[in-house]
C-alpha atoms as a PDB file:
ATOM      1  CA  MET A   1      -7.482  38.652 -67.894  1.00  0.00           C
ATOM      2  CA  THR A   2      -4.422  40.770 -68.727  1.00  0.00           C
ATOM      3  CA  ARG A   3      -1.490  41.120 -66.373  1.00  0.00           C
ATOM      4  CA  ARG A   4      -2.607  44.683 -65.602  1.00  0.00           C
ATOM      5  CA  GLU A   5      -6.133  43.527 -64.776  1.00  0.00           C
ATOM      6  CA  ARG A   6      -4.740  40.741 -62.617  1.00  0.00           C
ATOM      7  CA  VAL A   7      -2.650  43.188 -60.559  1.00  0.00           C
ATOM      8  CA  ILE A   8      -5.596  45.545 -60.098  1.00  0.00           C
ATOM      9  CA  ALA A   9      -7.799  42.647 -59.012  1.00  0.00           C
ATOM     10  CA  ALA A  10      -5.189  41.521 -56.485  1.00  0.00           C
ATOM     11  CA  LEU A  11      -4.741  45.028 -55.080  1.00  0.00           C
ATOM     12  CA  THR A  12      -8.497  45.365 -54.628  1.00  0.00           C
ATOM     13  CA  HIS A  13      -8.433  42.125 -52.606  1.00  0.00           C
ATOM     14  CA  GLN A  14     -10.097  39.864 -55.132  1.00  0.00           C
ATOM     15  CA  ASN A  15      -9.125  36.227 -55.455  1.00  0.00           C
ATOM     16  CA  VAL A  16      -7.020  36.031 -58.592  1.00  0.00           C
ATOM     17  CA  HIS A  17      -5.252  33.165 -60.331  1.00  0.00           C
ATOM     18  CA  PRO A  18      -2.448  33.081 -61.093  1.00  0.00           C
ATOM     19  CA  VAL A  19      -1.134  35.344 -58.340  1.00  0.00           C
ATOM     20  CA  PRO A  20       0.671  38.284 -59.999  1.00  0.00           C
ATOM     21  CA  PHE A  21       4.422  38.376 -59.534  1.00  0.00           C
ATOM     22  CA  SER A  22       7.407  40.642 -60.039  1.00  0.00           C
ATOM     23  CA  VAL A  23      11.027  39.457 -60.047  1.00  0.00           C
ATOM     24  CA  ASP A  24      14.066  41.711 -60.288  1.00  0.00           C
ATOM     25  CA  PHE A  25      17.806  41.042 -60.229  1.00  0.00           C
ATOM     26  CA  THR A  26      21.000  42.777 -59.198  1.00  0.00           C
ATOM     27  CA  GLN A  27      23.483  43.241 -62.017  1.00  0.00           C
ATOM     28  CA  GLN A  28      25.665  40.416 -60.734  1.00  0.00           C
ATOM     29  CA  GLU A  29      22.827  37.899 -60.496  1.00  0.00           C
ATOM     30  CA  ARG A  30      21.363  38.831 -63.861  1.00  0.00           C
ATOM     31  CA  ALA A  31      24.757  38.189 -65.456  1.00  0.00           C
ATOM     32  CA  ARG A  32      25.162  34.934 -63.518  1.00  0.00           C
ATOM     33  CA  VAL A  33      21.801  33.513 -64.586  1.00  0.00           C
ATOM     34  CA  ALA A  34      22.321  34.703 -68.166  1.00  0.00           C
ATOM     35  CA  ALA A  35      25.647  32.859 -68.298  1.00  0.00           C
ATOM     36  CA  PHE A  36      24.070  29.733 -66.788  1.00  0.00           C
ATOM     37  CA  LEU A  37      21.298  29.742 -69.405  1.00  0.00           C
ATOM     38  CA  GLY A  38      23.414  31.032 -72.273  1.00  0.00           C
ATOM     39  CA  ASP A  39      20.743  33.684 -72.828  1.00  0.00           C
ATOM     40  CA  ASP A  40      21.390  37.385 -72.217  1.00  0.00           C
ATOM     41  CA  HIS A  41      17.694  38.160 -72.696  1.00  0.00           C
ATOM     42  CA  PHE A  42      16.189  35.609 -70.323  1.00  0.00           C
ATOM     43  CA  THR A  43      14.426  38.323 -68.314  1.00  0.00           C
ATOM     44  CA  ASP A  44      12.228  39.065 -71.346  1.00  0.00           C
ATOM     45  CA  GLU A  45      10.573  35.674 -70.849  1.00  0.00           C
ATOM     46  CA  ILE A  46       9.856  35.930 -67.115  1.00  0.00           C
ATOM     47  CA  ASN A  47       6.410  37.449 -67.739  1.00  0.00           C
ATOM     48  CA  ASN A  48       6.559  39.905 -64.838  1.00  0.00           C
ATOM     49  CA  HIS A  49       3.203  41.517 -64.170  1.00  0.00           C
ATOM     50  CA  ILE A  50       4.569  44.968 -63.341  1.00  0.00           C
ATOM     51  CA  SER A  51       6.612  47.407 -65.418  1.00  0.00           C
ATOM     52  CA  SER A  52       8.120  50.379 -63.644  1.00  0.00           C
ATOM     53  CA  ALA A  53      10.066  53.524 -64.316  1.00  0.00           C
ATOM     54  CA  TYR A  54      12.430  54.295 -61.469  1.00  0.00           C
ATOM     55  CA  TYR A  55      13.479  57.928 -61.392  1.00  0.00           C
ATOM     56  CA  ASP A  56      15.897  59.262 -58.820  1.00  0.00           C
ATOM     57  CA  GLY A  57      17.654  61.953 -60.816  1.00  0.00           C
ATOM     58  CA  HIS A  58      20.752  61.699 -62.939  1.00  0.00           C
ATOM     59  CA  LEU A  59      23.972  59.905 -62.084  1.00  0.00           C
ATOM     60  CA  TRP A  60      27.398  60.927 -63.344  1.00  0.00           C
ATOM     61  CA  GLU A  61      30.499  58.768 -63.150  1.00  0.00           C
ATOM     62  CA  ILE A  62      32.975  61.265 -61.709  1.00  0.00           C
ATOM     63  CA  LYS A  63      35.798  58.723 -61.647  1.00  0.00           C
ATOM     64  CA  PRO A  64      35.925  54.956 -62.201  1.00  0.00           C
ATOM     65  CA  ASP A  65      33.183  53.299 -60.089  1.00  0.00           C
ATOM     66  CA  PHE A  66      32.304  56.532 -58.255  1.00  0.00           C
ATOM     67  CA  TRP A  67      28.960  58.049 -59.203  1.00  0.00           C
ATOM     68  CA  GLN A  68      27.362  61.332 -58.111  1.00  0.00           C
ATOM     69  CA  ASP A  69      23.611  61.941 -58.053  1.00  0.00           C
ATOM     70  CA  ASP A  70      21.556  65.134 -58.370  1.00  0.00           C
ATOM     71  CA  PHE A  71      21.678  65.710 -54.624  1.00  0.00           C
ATOM     72  CA  GLY A  72      25.485  65.691 -54.657  1.00  0.00           C
ATOM     73  CA  VAL A  73      25.763  62.274 -52.990  1.00  0.00           C
ATOM     74  CA  CYS A  74      28.795  60.313 -54.160  1.00  0.00           C
ATOM     75  CA  TRP A  75      28.290  56.543 -54.476  1.00  0.00           C
ATOM     76  CA  ASN A  76      31.290  54.240 -54.204  1.00  0.00           C
ATOM     77  CA  ARG A  77      30.690  51.133 -56.331  1.00  0.00           C
ATOM     78  CA  THR A  78      34.162  49.655 -56.120  1.00  0.00           C
ATOM     79  CA  GLY A  79      32.964  46.874 -53.799  1.00  0.00           C
ATOM     80  CA  ALA A  80      30.546  44.000 -54.250  1.00  0.00           C
ATOM     81  CA  ASP A  81      27.466  46.226 -54.642  1.00  0.00           C
ATOM     82  CA  LYS A  82      27.492  47.522 -58.213  1.00  0.00           C
ATOM     83  CA  ASP A  83      23.821  48.528 -58.233  1.00  0.00           C
ATOM     84  CA  ILE A  84      23.793  51.179 -55.500  1.00  0.00           C
ATOM     85  CA  GLY A  85      27.111  51.300 -53.662  1.00  0.00           C
ATOM     86  CA  VAL A  86      27.961  53.010 -50.393  1.00  0.00           C
ATOM     87  CA  ILE A  87      28.092  56.738 -49.811  1.00  0.00           C
ATOM     88  CA  ALA A  88      31.488  58.413 -49.866  1.00  0.00           C
ATOM     89  CA  GLY A  89      31.496  61.514 -47.685  1.00  0.00           C
ATOM     90  CA  LEU A  90      28.716  63.513 -46.034  1.00  0.00           C
ATOM     91  CA  LEU A  91      26.836  66.459 -47.505  1.00  0.00           C
ATOM     92  CA  ILE A  92      25.386  67.440 -44.113  1.00  0.00           C
ATOM     93  CA  PRO A  93      28.247  66.717 -41.689  1.00  0.00           C
ATOM     94  CA  GLU A  94      26.589  68.580 -38.793  1.00  0.00           C
ATOM     95  CA  PRO A  95      22.929  68.628 -37.662  1.00  0.00           C
ATOM     96  CA  ASP A  96      22.328  71.884 -39.533  1.00  0.00           C
ATOM     97  CA  LEU A  97      20.518  72.339 -42.858  1.00  0.00           C
ATOM     98  CA  SER A  98      21.465  75.961 -43.461  1.00  0.00           C
ATOM     99  CA  ALA A  99      24.364  75.250 -45.823  1.00  0.00           C
ATOM    100  CA  TYR A 100      22.669  72.590 -47.953  1.00  0.00           C
ATOM    101  CA  ARG A 101      20.639  73.392 -51.074  1.00  0.00           C
ATOM    102  CA  PHE A 102      18.333  70.866 -52.673  1.00  0.00           C
ATOM    103  CA  PRO A 103      18.751  70.406 -56.447  1.00  0.00           C
ATOM    104  CA  GLU A 104      16.341  71.710 -59.051  1.00  0.00           C
ATOM    105  CA  ILE A 105      13.733  69.157 -60.123  1.00  0.00           C
ATOM    106  CA  ASP A 106      14.246  68.080 -63.737  1.00  0.00           C
ATOM    107  CA  THR A 107      10.588  67.886 -64.757  1.00  0.00           C
ATOM    108  CA  ALA A 108      11.435  67.344 -68.427  1.00  0.00           C
ATOM    109  CA  GLN A 109      13.458  64.230 -67.626  1.00  0.00           C
ATOM    110  CA  ILE A 110      10.773  62.908 -65.285  1.00  0.00           C
ATOM    111  CA  HIS A 111       8.137  63.354 -67.998  1.00  0.00           C
ATOM    112  CA  HIS A 112      10.408  61.608 -70.497  1.00  0.00           C
ATOM    113  CA  GLU A 113      10.946  58.598 -68.218  1.00  0.00           C
ATOM    114  CA  TYR A 114       7.279  58.093 -67.412  1.00  0.00           C
ATOM    115  CA  GLN A 115       6.004  58.791 -70.929  1.00  0.00           C
ATOM    116  CA  ALA A 116       8.381  56.105 -72.192  1.00  0.00           C
ATOM    117  CA  LEU A 117       6.967  53.706 -69.593  1.00  0.00           C
ATOM    118  CA  MET A 118       3.369  54.365 -70.608  1.00  0.00           C
ATOM    119  CA  ALA A 119       4.231  53.997 -74.306  1.00  0.00           C
ATOM    120  CA  ARG A 120       5.327  50.377 -73.893  1.00  0.00           C
ATOM    121  CA  LYS A 121       2.984  48.172 -75.867  1.00  0.00           C
ATOM    122  CA  ASN A 122       2.350  45.427 -73.359  1.00  0.00           C
ATOM    123  CA  ASP A 123      -0.368  44.445 -70.917  1.00  0.00           C
ATOM    124  CA  THR A 124       1.593  44.938 -67.697  1.00  0.00           C
ATOM    125  CA  PHE A 125       0.613  47.139 -64.776  1.00  0.00           C
ATOM    126  CA  LYS A 126       2.619  50.364 -65.164  1.00  0.00           C
ATOM    127  CA  MET A 127       4.130  51.867 -62.013  1.00  0.00           C
ATOM    128  CA  GLY A 128       6.158  55.022 -61.509  1.00  0.00           C
ATOM    129  CA  SER A 129       8.653  54.889 -58.663  1.00  0.00           C
ATOM    130  CA  ILE A 130      10.505  57.539 -56.692  1.00  0.00           C
ATOM    131  CA  GLY A 131      13.636  56.241 -55.024  1.00  0.00           C
ATOM    132  CA  PHE A 132      15.211  57.438 -51.779  1.00  0.00           C
ATOM    133  CA  SER A 133      12.031  59.307 -50.953  1.00  0.00           C
ATOM    134  CA  LEU A 134      12.336  60.039 -47.208  1.00  0.00           C
ATOM    135  CA  PHE A 135      14.397  58.037 -44.703  1.00  0.00           C
ATOM    136  CA  GLU A 136      16.737  56.786 -47.440  1.00  0.00           C
ATOM    137  CA  ARG A 137      17.349  60.278 -48.788  1.00  0.00           C
ATOM    138  CA  ALA A 138      17.936  61.565 -45.258  1.00  0.00           C
ATOM    139  CA  TRP A 139      20.676  59.046 -44.472  1.00  0.00           C
ATOM    140  CA  THR A 140      22.367  59.537 -47.828  1.00  0.00           C
ATOM    141  CA  LEU A 141      22.768  63.213 -46.962  1.00  0.00           C
ATOM    142  CA  ARG A 142      23.583  62.895 -43.265  1.00  0.00           C
ATOM    143  CA  GLY A 143      25.047  59.375 -43.005  1.00  0.00           C
ATOM    144  CA  MET A 144      23.266  56.383 -41.490  1.00  0.00           C
ATOM    145  CA  GLU A 145      25.042  56.413 -38.129  1.00  0.00           C
ATOM    146  CA  ASN A 146      24.662  60.169 -37.729  1.00  0.00           C
ATOM    147  CA  LEU A 147      20.976  60.106 -38.615  1.00  0.00           C
ATOM    148  CA  LEU A 148      20.208  57.339 -36.129  1.00  0.00           C
ATOM    149  CA  MET A 149      22.054  59.222 -33.378  1.00  0.00           C
ATOM    150  CA  ASP A 150      20.260  62.436 -34.371  1.00  0.00           C
ATOM    151  CA  MET A 151      16.940  60.719 -33.722  1.00  0.00           C
ATOM    152  CA  VAL A 152      17.962  60.607 -30.061  1.00  0.00           C
ATOM    153  CA  LEU A 153      20.253  63.613 -29.699  1.00  0.00           C
ATOM    154  CA  ASN A 154      18.855  66.072 -32.262  1.00  0.00           C
ATOM    155  CA  PRO A 155      15.204  65.170 -32.892  1.00  0.00           C
ATOM    156  CA  ASP A 156      14.284  68.714 -33.953  1.00  0.00           C
ATOM    157  CA  PHE A 157      16.913  68.567 -36.690  1.00  0.00           C
ATOM    158  CA  VAL A 158      15.565  65.206 -37.885  1.00  0.00           C
ATOM    159  CA  ASP A 159      12.058  66.686 -38.079  1.00  0.00           C
ATOM    160  CA  GLN A 160      13.450  69.629 -40.034  1.00  0.00           C
ATOM    161  CA  LEU A 161      15.367  67.372 -42.416  1.00  0.00           C
ATOM    162  CA  PHE A 162      12.407  65.074 -43.057  1.00  0.00           C
ATOM    163  CA  GLN A 163      10.119  68.059 -43.608  1.00  0.00           C
ATOM    164  CA  ALA A 164      12.538  69.552 -46.137  1.00  0.00           C
ATOM    165  CA  ILE A 165      12.665  66.260 -48.045  1.00  0.00           C
ATOM    166  CA  LEU A 166       8.863  65.959 -48.010  1.00  0.00           C
ATOM    167  CA  GLU A 167       8.540  69.486 -49.350  1.00  0.00           C
ATOM    168  CA  TYR A 168      11.030  68.646 -52.086  1.00  0.00           C
ATOM    169  CA  ASN A 169       8.957  65.598 -53.015  1.00  0.00           C
ATOM    170  CA  SER A 170       5.899  67.801 -53.272  1.00  0.00           C
ATOM    171  CA  ALA A 171       3.879  65.050 -54.917  1.00  0.00           C
ATOM    172  CA  ILE A 172       3.780  63.286 -51.553  1.00  0.00           C
ATOM    173  CA  LEU A 173       1.180  65.541 -49.966  1.00  0.00           C
ATOM    174  CA  GLU A 174      -1.341  63.008 -48.742  1.00  0.00           C
ATOM    175  CA  ILE A 175       0.126  59.610 -48.004  1.00  0.00           C
ATOM    176  CA  ALA A 176      -1.919  56.469 -47.571  1.00  0.00           C
ATOM    177  CA  LEU A 177      -0.440  53.013 -47.260  1.00  0.00           C
ATOM    178  CA  ASP A 178      -1.931  50.517 -49.722  1.00  0.00           C
ATOM    179  CA  ILE A 179       0.937  48.103 -50.374  1.00  0.00           C
ATOM    180  CA  TYR A 180       3.607  47.032 -47.931  1.00  0.00           C
ATOM    181  CA  GLN A 181       6.895  46.242 -49.643  1.00  0.00           C
ATOM    182  CA  THR A 182       8.878  44.316 -48.886  1.00  0.00           C
ATOM    183  CA  VAL A 183       7.556  41.500 -46.687  1.00  0.00           C
ATOM    184  CA  GLN A 184      10.487  39.563 -45.215  1.00  0.00           C
ATOM    185  CA  PRO A 185       9.583  36.106 -43.882  1.00  0.00           C
ATOM    186  CA  GLU A 186      12.594  36.209 -41.543  1.00  0.00           C
ATOM    187  CA  ILE A 187      10.900  38.860 -39.418  1.00  0.00           C
ATOM    188  CA  TYR A 188       7.193  38.209 -39.973  1.00  0.00           C
ATOM    189  CA  ASP A 189       4.869  35.304 -39.366  1.00  0.00           C
ATOM    190  CA  LEU A 190       3.267  35.260 -42.822  1.00  0.00           C
ATOM    191  CA  PRO A 191      -0.018  33.549 -41.830  1.00  0.00           C
ATOM    192  CA  LEU A 192      -0.375  35.963 -38.904  1.00  0.00           C
ATOM    193  CA  ILE A 193       0.159  39.208 -40.836  1.00  0.00           C
ATOM    194  CA  LYS A 194      -2.110  37.963 -43.611  1.00  0.00           C
ATOM    195  CA  LYS A 195      -4.839  37.226 -41.060  1.00  0.00           C
ATOM    196  CA  GLU A 196      -4.383  40.452 -39.073  1.00  0.00           C
ATOM    197  CA  TYR A 197      -3.808  42.970 -41.872  1.00  0.00           C
ATOM    198  CA  GLY A 198      -4.714  41.252 -45.129  1.00  0.00           C
ATOM    199  CA  ARG A 199      -8.158  42.863 -45.365  1.00  0.00           C
ATOM    200  CA  ASP A 200      -6.667  46.359 -45.457  1.00  0.00           C
ATOM    201  CA  LEU A 201      -3.137  45.968 -46.800  1.00  0.00           C
ATOM    202  CA  SER A 202      -1.670  44.356 -49.867  1.00  0.00           C
ATOM    203  CA  PHE A 203       1.712  42.696 -49.492  1.00  0.00           C
ATOM    204  CA  TRP A 204       4.654  42.577 -51.899  1.00  0.00           C
ATOM    205  CA  GLY A 205       7.524  40.153 -51.348  1.00  0.00           C
ATOM    206  CA  GLY A 206       7.544  37.082 -49.123  1.00  0.00           C
ATOM    207  CA  ILE A 207      10.198  35.005 -50.932  1.00  0.00           C
ATOM    208  CA  SER A 208      13.384  35.251 -48.894  1.00  0.00           C
ATOM    209  CA  THR A 209      16.607  36.497 -50.488  1.00  0.00           C
ATOM    210  CA  GLN A 210      18.456  36.076 -47.178  1.00  0.00           C
ATOM    211  CA  ARG A 211      17.849  32.406 -46.407  1.00  0.00           C
ATOM    212  CA  LEU A 212      15.675  30.583 -48.915  1.00  0.00           C
ATOM    213  CA  LEU A 213      17.070  31.549 -52.307  1.00  0.00           C
ATOM    214  CA  PRO A 214      20.799  31.551 -51.421  1.00  0.00           C
ATOM    215  CA  PHE A 215      20.918  28.458 -49.216  1.00  0.00           C
ATOM    216  CA  ALA A 216      17.987  26.106 -49.878  1.00  0.00           C
ATOM    217  CA  THR A 217      17.853  23.303 -52.403  1.00  0.00           C
ATOM    218  CA  PRO A 218      15.805  23.807 -55.584  1.00  0.00           C
ATOM    219  CA  ASP A 219      13.135  21.456 -54.234  1.00  0.00           C
ATOM    220  CA  GLU A 220      12.916  23.479 -51.018  1.00  0.00           C
ATOM    221  CA  VAL A 221      12.605  26.669 -53.060  1.00  0.00           C
ATOM    222  CA  ARG A 222       9.721  25.169 -55.020  1.00  0.00           C
ATOM    223  CA  ARG A 223       7.961  23.995 -51.864  1.00  0.00           C
ATOM    224  CA  VAL A 224       8.316  27.245 -49.922  1.00  0.00           C
ATOM    225  CA  THR A 225       7.391  29.396 -52.916  1.00  0.00           C
ATOM    226  CA  GLN A 226       4.230  27.334 -53.400  1.00  0.00           C
ATOM    227  CA  GLU A 227       3.397  27.586 -49.687  1.00  0.00           C
ATOM    228  CA  THR A 228       3.906  31.360 -49.782  1.00  0.00           C
ATOM    229  CA  LEU A 229       1.565  31.722 -52.759  1.00  0.00           C
ATOM    230  CA  HIS A 230      -1.077  29.708 -50.901  1.00  0.00           C
ATOM    231  CA  ILE A 231      -0.766  31.666 -47.640  1.00  0.00           C
ATOM    232  CA  MET A 232      -0.438  35.182 -49.020  1.00  0.00           C
ATOM    233  CA  GLY A 233      -2.483  34.865 -52.199  1.00  0.00           C
ATOM    234  CA  GLU A 234      -5.726  33.785 -50.533  1.00  0.00           C
ATOM    235  CA  GLY A 235      -8.283  36.568 -50.956  1.00  0.00           C
ATOM    236  CA  GLY A 236      -6.006  38.669 -53.145  1.00  0.00           C
ATOM    237  CA  GLY A 237      -3.852  41.475 -51.803  1.00  0.00           C
ATOM    238  CA  TYR A 238      -0.521  39.932 -52.775  1.00  0.00           C
ATOM    239  CA  ILE A 239       2.233  40.511 -55.332  1.00  0.00           C
ATOM    240  CA  ALA A 240       4.575  37.515 -55.209  1.00  0.00           C
ATOM    241  CA  ALA A 241       8.200  38.585 -55.301  1.00  0.00           C
ATOM    242  CA  PRO A 242      11.618  38.066 -53.783  1.00  0.00           C
ATOM    243  CA  THR A 243      12.190  40.358 -50.823  1.00  0.00           C
ATOM    244  CA  HIS A 244      14.806  42.310 -52.784  1.00  0.00           C
ATOM    245  CA  ALA A 245      16.379  42.344 -56.205  1.00  0.00           C
ATOM    246  CA  ILE A 246      17.923  38.862 -56.260  1.00  0.00           C
ATOM    247  CA  PRO A 247      21.546  39.193 -55.070  1.00  0.00           C
ATOM    248  CA  GLY A 248      24.591  37.700 -56.701  1.00  0.00           C
ATOM    249  CA  ASP A 249      25.014  34.803 -54.253  1.00  0.00           C
ATOM    250  CA  VAL A 250      21.869  32.942 -55.337  1.00  0.00           C
ATOM    251  CA  PRO A 251      22.446  29.731 -57.346  1.00  0.00           C
ATOM    252  CA  PRO A 252      20.827  30.013 -60.792  1.00  0.00           C
ATOM    253  CA  GLU A 253      19.140  26.656 -60.164  1.00  0.00           C
ATOM    254  CA  ASN A 254      17.220  28.241 -57.280  1.00  0.00           C
ATOM    255  CA  VAL A 255      16.167  31.201 -59.401  1.00  0.00           C
ATOM    256  CA  LEU A 256      14.795  28.814 -62.005  1.00  0.00           C
ATOM    257  CA  ALA A 257      13.016  26.753 -59.328  1.00  0.00           C
ATOM    258  CA  MET A 258      11.245  29.855 -58.019  1.00  0.00           C
ATOM    259  CA  LEU A 259      10.321  31.016 -61.528  1.00  0.00           C
ATOM    260  CA  GLU A 260       8.981  27.566 -62.354  1.00  0.00           C
ATOM    261  CA  VAL A 261       6.458  27.829 -59.518  1.00  0.00           C
ATOM    262  CA  LEU A 262       5.512  31.437 -60.264  1.00  0.00           C
ATOM    263  CA  GLN A 263       5.072  30.849 -63.983  1.00  0.00           C
ATOM    264  CA  ARG A 264       3.251  27.509 -63.713  1.00  0.00           C
ATOM    265  CA  GLN A 265       0.898  28.191 -60.834  1.00  0.00           C
ATOM    266  CA  THR A 266      -1.584  25.398 -60.273  1.00  0.00           C
END
């Protein structure tokens, strides 16, 4: 069975072994593990089951460590987060959309990104991804605090903003939830959600980047990762993964312990 076939089997709720997995890293953690192993290309050997093209428009570095996207959002990456950053300034400072204009969609670039993904000669499951698709795009334009207050004080504006974003992402016309990403064990009882929703939903995640990977011992990481595979993988419907791109505070030994279990499933 190829990796692609294994993912499809899992997402159609068939028992599959090994459980498919997908592991991603922040820039800082990728560099840290590479230095630990003395191998800048270690990610090539992980054997992830999913390949993806993530398109969220272009980014321009307008000054050192400040990047601007197609929507006009400026991202400050001078701090610890070099992958995304924090927004600098507001494009919609008041609950009023009249002065904001959405950017033109660069269909040629989108086609280029996804054609390159499909041309890869490997057996992975290919997935196209749209980032900042609704709530995330809304808070990048309005600001997180403002948007949350608007939900109470200006609900009509929030509806208008969300509708405008949905219309911009015109591919999202009929939405059905098949996979829930990301499953955080800090806030969910994994056996319970698997029992209650596992017949209808597939789950992606389950390996904690908040508690387990940064703070546990390698042996604990192995044990909990194995337990998670057993709980969530039963009956299919599971993509094993950290709950986020692995952050820069995770000891490389713990990354390797997790990968050992994922790659050598018994």
